[in-house]
Amino acid sequence: MVQVLKDRYGNILGSTKPEGNRENIYDKSGNRLGYFDGHKTFDIYSNFIGEGNLLVLLLKI
């Protein structure tokens, strides 16, 4: 199920979408920014971001 992420004014910032065992995050243009594997968050280049679901940190606002 796709979850659309919006700011307080209703502008779309991006979305998250589960795909298999991962949850991917996309910007408003549809570009993939990274993923959460259930334990850790990684950016698009598979660089470790942190423990837990930190996907919203990858959005460039």
PDB file of N, CA and C in Angstrom:
ATOM      1  N   MET A   1       0.841  -1.176   0.000  1.00  0.00           N
ATOM      2  CA  MET A   1       0.000   0.000   0.000  1.00  0.00           C
ATOM      3  C   MET A   1       0.890   1.244   0.000  1.00  0.00           C
ATOM      4  N   VAL A   2       0.684   2.108  -0.935  1.00  0.00           N
ATOM      5  CA  VAL A   2       1.467   3.336  -1.060  1.00  0.00           C
ATOM      6  C   VAL A   2       0.981   4.341  -0.025  1.00  0.00           C
ATOM      7  N   GLN A   3       1.940   4.965   0.670  1.00  0.00           N
ATOM      8  CA  GLN A   3       1.619   6.012   1.634  1.00  0.00           C
ATOM      9  C   GLN A   3       2.192   7.318   1.104  1.00  0.00           C
ATOM     10  N   VAL A   4       1.334   8.298   0.869  1.00  0.00           N
ATOM     11  CA  VAL A   4       1.756   9.597   0.356  1.00  0.00           C
ATOM     12  C   VAL A   4       2.134  10.483   1.547  1.00  0.00           C
ATOM     13  N   LEU A   5       3.291  11.123   1.448  1.00  0.00           N
ATOM     14  CA  LEU A   5       3.787  11.996   2.508  1.00  0.00           C
ATOM     15  C   LEU A   5       3.564  13.446   2.095  1.00  0.00           C
ATOM     16  N   LYS A   6       2.889  14.204   2.969  1.00  0.00           N
ATOM     17  CA  LYS A   6       2.563  15.602   2.675  1.00  0.00           C
ATOM     18  C   LYS A   6       3.053  16.499   3.795  1.00  0.00           C
ATOM     19  N   ASP A   7       3.293  17.778   3.453  1.00  0.00           N
ATOM     20  CA  ASP A   7       3.637  18.743   4.483  1.00  0.00           C
ATOM     21  C   ASP A   7       2.357  19.293   5.100  1.00  0.00           C
ATOM     22  N   ARG A   8       2.487  20.220   6.021  1.00  0.00           N
ATOM     23  CA  ARG A   8       1.301  20.724   6.734  1.00  0.00           C
ATOM     24  C   ARG A   8       0.367  21.538   5.847  1.00  0.00           C
ATOM     25  N   TYR A   9       0.827  21.924   4.649  1.00  0.00           N
ATOM     26  CA  TYR A   9      -0.009  22.674   3.724  1.00  0.00           C
ATOM     27  C   TYR A   9      -0.669  21.784   2.670  1.00  0.00           C
ATOM     28  N   GLY A  10      -0.394  20.494   2.730  1.00  0.00           N
ATOM     29  CA  GLY A  10      -0.984  19.546   1.802  1.00  0.00           C
ATOM     30  C   GLY A  10      -0.159  19.296   0.561  1.00  0.00           C
ATOM     31  N   ASN A  11       1.031  19.889   0.472  1.00  0.00           N
ATOM     32  CA  ASN A  11       1.912  19.662  -0.677  1.00  0.00           C
ATOM     33  C   ASN A  11       2.549  18.280  -0.564  1.00  0.00           C
ATOM     34  N   ILE A  12       2.583  17.555  -1.659  1.00  0.00           N
ATOM     35  CA  ILE A  12       3.164  16.217  -1.663  1.00  0.00           C
ATOM     36  C   ILE A  12       4.684  16.318  -1.634  1.00  0.00           C
ATOM     37  N   LEU A  13       5.292  15.618  -0.684  1.00  0.00           N
ATOM     38  CA  LEU A  13       6.744  15.584  -0.545  1.00  0.00           C
ATOM     39  C   LEU A  13       7.333  14.320  -1.151  1.00  0.00           C
ATOM     40  N   GLY A  14       6.585  13.241  -1.084  1.00  0.00           N
ATOM     41  CA  GLY A  14       7.049  11.963  -1.592  1.00  0.00           C
ATOM     42  C   GLY A  14       6.094  10.861  -1.208  1.00  0.00           C
ATOM     43  N   SER A  15       6.568   9.618  -1.295  1.00  0.00           N
ATOM     44  CA  SER A  15       5.728   8.486  -0.945  1.00  0.00           C
ATOM     45  C   SER A  15       6.600   7.306  -0.531  1.00  0.00           C
ATOM     46  N   THR A  16       6.004   6.410   0.240  1.00  0.00           N
ATOM     47  CA  THR A  16       6.660   5.157   0.591  1.00  0.00           C
ATOM     48  C   THR A  16       5.840   4.016   0.018  1.00  0.00           C
ATOM     49  N   LYS A  17       6.531   2.958  -0.363  1.00  0.00           N
ATOM     50  CA  LYS A  17       5.856   1.818  -0.974  1.00  0.00           C
ATOM     51  C   LYS A  17       6.566   0.535  -0.573  1.00  0.00           C
ATOM     52  N   PRO A  18       5.858  -0.398   0.065  1.00  0.00           N
ATOM     53  CA  PRO A  18       6.488  -1.676   0.397  1.00  0.00           C
ATOM     54  C   PRO A  18       6.666  -2.526  -0.867  1.00  0.00           C
ATOM     55  N   GLU A  19       7.836  -3.129  -0.992  1.00  0.00           N
ATOM     56  CA  GLU A  19       8.131  -4.007  -2.119  1.00  0.00           C
ATOM     57  C   GLU A  19       8.908  -5.193  -1.579  1.00  0.00           C
ATOM     58  N   GLY A  20       8.249  -6.313  -1.436  1.00  0.00           N
ATOM     59  CA  GLY A  20       8.882  -7.489  -0.849  1.00  0.00           C
ATOM     60  C   GLY A  20       9.139  -7.264   0.627  1.00  0.00           C
ATOM     61  N   ASN A  21      10.379  -7.469   1.059  1.00  0.00           N
ATOM     62  CA  ASN A  21      10.752  -7.277   2.459  1.00  0.00           C
ATOM     63  C   ASN A  21      11.241  -5.860   2.738  1.00  0.00           C
ATOM     64  N   ARG A  22      11.266  -5.027   1.734  1.00  0.00           N
ATOM     65  CA  ARG A  22      11.762  -3.662   1.864  1.00  0.00           C
ATOM     66  C   ARG A  22      10.628  -2.657   1.771  1.00  0.00           C
ATOM     67  N   GLU A  23      10.864  -1.480   2.331  1.00  0.00           N
ATOM     68  CA  GLU A  23       9.977  -0.348   2.133  1.00  0.00           C
ATOM     69  C   GLU A  23      10.816   0.741   1.481  1.00  0.00           C
ATOM     70  N   ASN A  24      10.444   1.121   0.265  1.00  0.00           N
ATOM     71  CA  ASN A  24      11.183   2.131  -0.493  1.00  0.00           C
ATOM     72  C   ASN A  24      10.552   3.488  -0.314  1.00  0.00           C
ATOM     73  N   ILE A  25      11.369   4.534  -0.421  1.00  0.00           N
ATOM     74  CA  ILE A  25      10.853   5.901  -0.384  1.00  0.00           C
ATOM     75  C   ILE A  25      11.179   6.568  -1.717  1.00  0.00           C
ATOM     76  N   TYR A  26      10.227   7.351  -2.223  1.00  0.00           N
ATOM     77  CA  TYR A  26      10.346   8.052  -3.495  1.00  0.00           C
ATOM     78  C   TYR A  26      10.071   9.528  -3.278  1.00  0.00           C
ATOM     79  N   ASP A  27      10.747  10.393  -4.045  1.00  0.00           N
ATOM     80  CA  ASP A  27      10.445  11.817  -3.973  1.00  0.00           C
ATOM     81  C   ASP A  27       9.189  12.095  -4.795  1.00  0.00           C
ATOM     82  N   LYS A  28       8.792  13.361  -4.865  1.00  0.00           N
ATOM     83  CA  LYS A  28       7.538  13.675  -5.559  1.00  0.00           C
ATOM     84  C   LYS A  28       7.624  13.461  -7.063  1.00  0.00           C
ATOM     85  N   SER A  29       8.849  13.350  -7.607  1.00  0.00           N
ATOM     86  CA  SER A  29       9.028  13.072  -9.032  1.00  0.00           C
ATOM     87  C   SER A  29       9.074  11.586  -9.341  1.00  0.00           C
ATOM     88  N   GLY A  30       9.051  10.748  -8.289  1.00  0.00           N
ATOM     89  CA  GLY A  30       9.064   9.307  -8.485  1.00  0.00           C
ATOM     90  C   GLY A  30      10.447   8.681  -8.445  1.00  0.00           C
ATOM     91  N   ASN A  31      11.470   9.462  -8.106  1.00  0.00           N
ATOM     92  CA  ASN A  31      12.836   8.934  -7.995  1.00  0.00           C
ATOM     93  C   ASN A  31      13.011   8.237  -6.656  1.00  0.00           C
ATOM     94  N   ARG A  32      13.579   7.028  -6.684  1.00  0.00           N
ATOM     95  CA  ARG A  32      13.803   6.290  -5.444  1.00  0.00           C
ATOM     96  C   ARG A  32      14.951   6.920  -4.676  1.00  0.00           C
ATOM     97  N   LEU A  33      14.753   7.141  -3.368  1.00  0.00           N
ATOM     98  CA  LEU A  33      15.762   7.788  -2.534  1.00  0.00           C
ATOM     99  C   LEU A  33      16.472   6.815  -1.603  1.00  0.00           C
ATOM    100  N   GLY A  34      15.819   5.701  -1.272  1.00  0.00           N
ATOM    101  CA  GLY A  34      16.419   4.732  -0.374  1.00  0.00           C
ATOM    102  C   GLY A  34      15.421   3.683   0.050  1.00  0.00           C
ATOM    103  N   TYR A  35      15.830   2.876   1.051  1.00  0.00           N
ATOM    104  CA  TYR A  35      14.958   1.795   1.497  1.00  0.00           C
ATOM    105  C   TYR A  35      15.218   1.446   2.954  1.00  0.00           C
ATOM    106  N   PHE A  36      14.231   0.805   3.542  1.00  0.00           N
ATOM    107  CA  PHE A  36      14.279   0.283   4.903  1.00  0.00           C
ATOM    108  C   PHE A  36      14.086  -1.218   4.797  1.00  0.00           C
ATOM    109  N   ASP A  37      15.029  -2.003   5.345  1.00  0.00           N
ATOM    110  CA  ASP A  37      14.987  -3.459   5.190  1.00  0.00           C
ATOM    111  C   ASP A  37      14.317  -4.189   6.353  1.00  0.00           C
ATOM    112  N   GLY A  38      13.725  -3.461   7.269  1.00  0.00           N
ATOM    113  CA  GLY A  38      13.087  -4.067   8.428  1.00  0.00           C
ATOM    114  C   GLY A  38      13.850  -3.792   9.708  1.00  0.00           C
ATOM    115  N   HIS A  39      15.136  -3.463   9.568  1.00  0.00           N
ATOM    116  CA  HIS A  39      15.980  -3.167  10.723  1.00  0.00           C
ATOM    117  C   HIS A  39      16.792  -1.894  10.526  1.00  0.00           C
ATOM    118  N   LYS A  40      17.279  -1.680   9.301  1.00  0.00           N
ATOM    119  CA  LYS A  40      18.181  -0.563   9.014  1.00  0.00           C
ATOM    120  C   LYS A  40      17.695   0.213   7.791  1.00  0.00           C
ATOM    121  N   THR A  41      18.085   1.492   7.726  1.00  0.00           N
ATOM    122  CA  THR A  41      17.746   2.350   6.602  1.00  0.00           C
ATOM    123  C   THR A  41      18.994   2.618   5.778  1.00  0.00           C
ATOM    124  N   PHE A  42      18.844   2.557   4.442  1.00  0.00           N
ATOM    125  CA  PHE A  42      19.943   2.792   3.514  1.00  0.00           C
ATOM    126  C   PHE A  42      19.499   3.799   2.458  1.00  0.00           C
ATOM    127  N   ASP A  43      20.446   4.593   1.942  1.00  0.00           N
ATOM    128  CA  ASP A  43      20.112   5.506   0.854  1.00  0.00           C
ATOM    129  C   ASP A  43      20.171   4.765  -0.484  1.00  0.00           C
ATOM    130  N   ILE A  44      20.004   5.488  -1.570  1.00  0.00           N
ATOM    131  CA  ILE A  44      19.936   4.887  -2.903  1.00  0.00           C
ATOM    132  C   ILE A  44      21.240   4.185  -3.284  1.00  0.00           C
ATOM    133  N   TYR A  45      22.358   4.608  -2.674  1.00  0.00           N
ATOM    134  CA  TYR A  45      23.666   4.023  -2.972  1.00  0.00           C
ATOM    135  C   TYR A  45      24.046   2.927  -1.985  1.00  0.00           C
ATOM    136  N   SER A  46      23.083   2.470  -1.187  1.00  0.00           N
ATOM    137  CA  SER A  46      23.256   1.441  -0.159  1.00  0.00           C
ATOM    138  C   SER A  46      24.173   1.869   0.974  1.00  0.00           C
ATOM    139  N   ASN A  47      24.289   3.188   1.189  1.00  0.00           N
ATOM    140  CA  ASN A  47      25.009   3.700   2.349  1.00  0.00           C
ATOM    141  C   ASN A  47      24.113   3.599   3.570  1.00  0.00           C
ATOM    142  N   PHE A  48      24.649   3.112   4.675  1.00  0.00           N
ATOM    143  CA  PHE A  48      23.900   2.953   5.915  1.00  0.00           C
ATOM    144  C   PHE A  48      23.541   4.328   6.478  1.00  0.00           C
ATOM    145  N   ILE A  49      22.259   4.537   6.793  1.00  0.00           N
ATOM    146  CA  ILE A  49      21.781   5.793   7.368  1.00  0.00           C
ATOM    147  C   ILE A  49      21.608   5.658   8.874  1.00  0.00           C
ATOM    148  N   GLY A  50      20.976   4.575   9.323  1.00  0.00           N
ATOM    149  CA  GLY A  50      20.790   4.373  10.750  1.00  0.00           C
ATOM    150  C   GLY A  50      19.899   3.183  11.045  1.00  0.00           C
ATOM    151  N   GLU A  51      19.779   2.874  12.332  1.00  0.00           N
ATOM    152  CA  GLU A  51      18.916   1.791  12.807  1.00  0.00           C
ATOM    153  C   GLU A  51      17.469   2.281  12.827  1.00  0.00           C
ATOM    154  N   GLY A  52      16.548   1.432  12.435  1.00  0.00           N
ATOM    155  CA  GLY A  52      15.134   1.786  12.438  1.00  0.00           C
ATOM    156  C   GLY A  52      14.715   2.420  11.125  1.00  0.00           C
ATOM    157  N   ASN A  53      13.444   2.795  11.050  1.00  0.00           N
ATOM    158  CA  ASN A  53      12.883   3.373   9.838  1.00  0.00           C
ATOM    159  C   ASN A  53      13.120   4.888   9.848  1.00  0.00           C
ATOM    160  N   LEU A  54      14.125   5.333   9.098  1.00  0.00           N
ATOM    161  CA  LEU A  54      14.493   6.742   9.008  1.00  0.00           C
ATOM    162  C   LEU A  54      14.298   7.265   7.597  1.00  0.00           C
ATOM    163  N   LEU A  55      13.360   6.697   6.871  1.00  0.00           N
ATOM    164  CA  LEU A  55      13.179   7.037   5.461  1.00  0.00           C
ATOM    165  C   LEU A  55      12.878   8.509   5.229  1.00  0.00           C
ATOM    166  N   VAL A  56      12.109   9.138   6.104  1.00  0.00           N
ATOM    167  CA  VAL A  56      11.743  10.543   5.881  1.00  0.00           C
ATOM    168  C   VAL A  56      12.966  11.461   5.931  1.00  0.00           C
ATOM    169  N   LEU A  57      14.053  11.011   6.552  1.00  0.00           N
ATOM    170  CA  LEU A  57      15.269  11.821   6.566  1.00  0.00           C
ATOM    171  C   LEU A  57      15.887  11.958   5.177  1.00  0.00           C
ATOM    172  N   LEU A  58      15.528  11.064   4.272  1.00  0.00           N
ATOM    173  CA  LEU A  58      16.088  11.099   2.922  1.00  0.00           C
ATOM    174  C   LEU A  58      15.371  12.091   2.006  1.00  0.00           C
ATOM    175  N   LEU A  59      14.219  12.610   2.430  1.00  0.00           N
ATOM    176  CA  LEU A  59      13.499  13.592   1.612  1.00  0.00           C
ATOM    177  C   LEU A  59      14.216  14.927   1.664  1.00  0.00           C
ATOM    178  N   LYS A  60      14.477  15.487   0.503  1.00  0.00           N
ATOM    179  CA  LYS A  60      15.088  16.825   0.409  1.00  0.00           C
ATOM    180  C   LYS A  60      13.957  17.836   0.342  1.00  0.00           C
ATOM    181  N   ILE A  61      13.743  18.522   1.417  1.00  0.00           N
ATOM    182  CA  ILE A  61      12.616  19.476   1.484  1.00  0.00           C
ATOM    183  C   ILE A  61      13.121  20.881   1.177  1.00  0.00           C
TER     184      ILE A  61
END
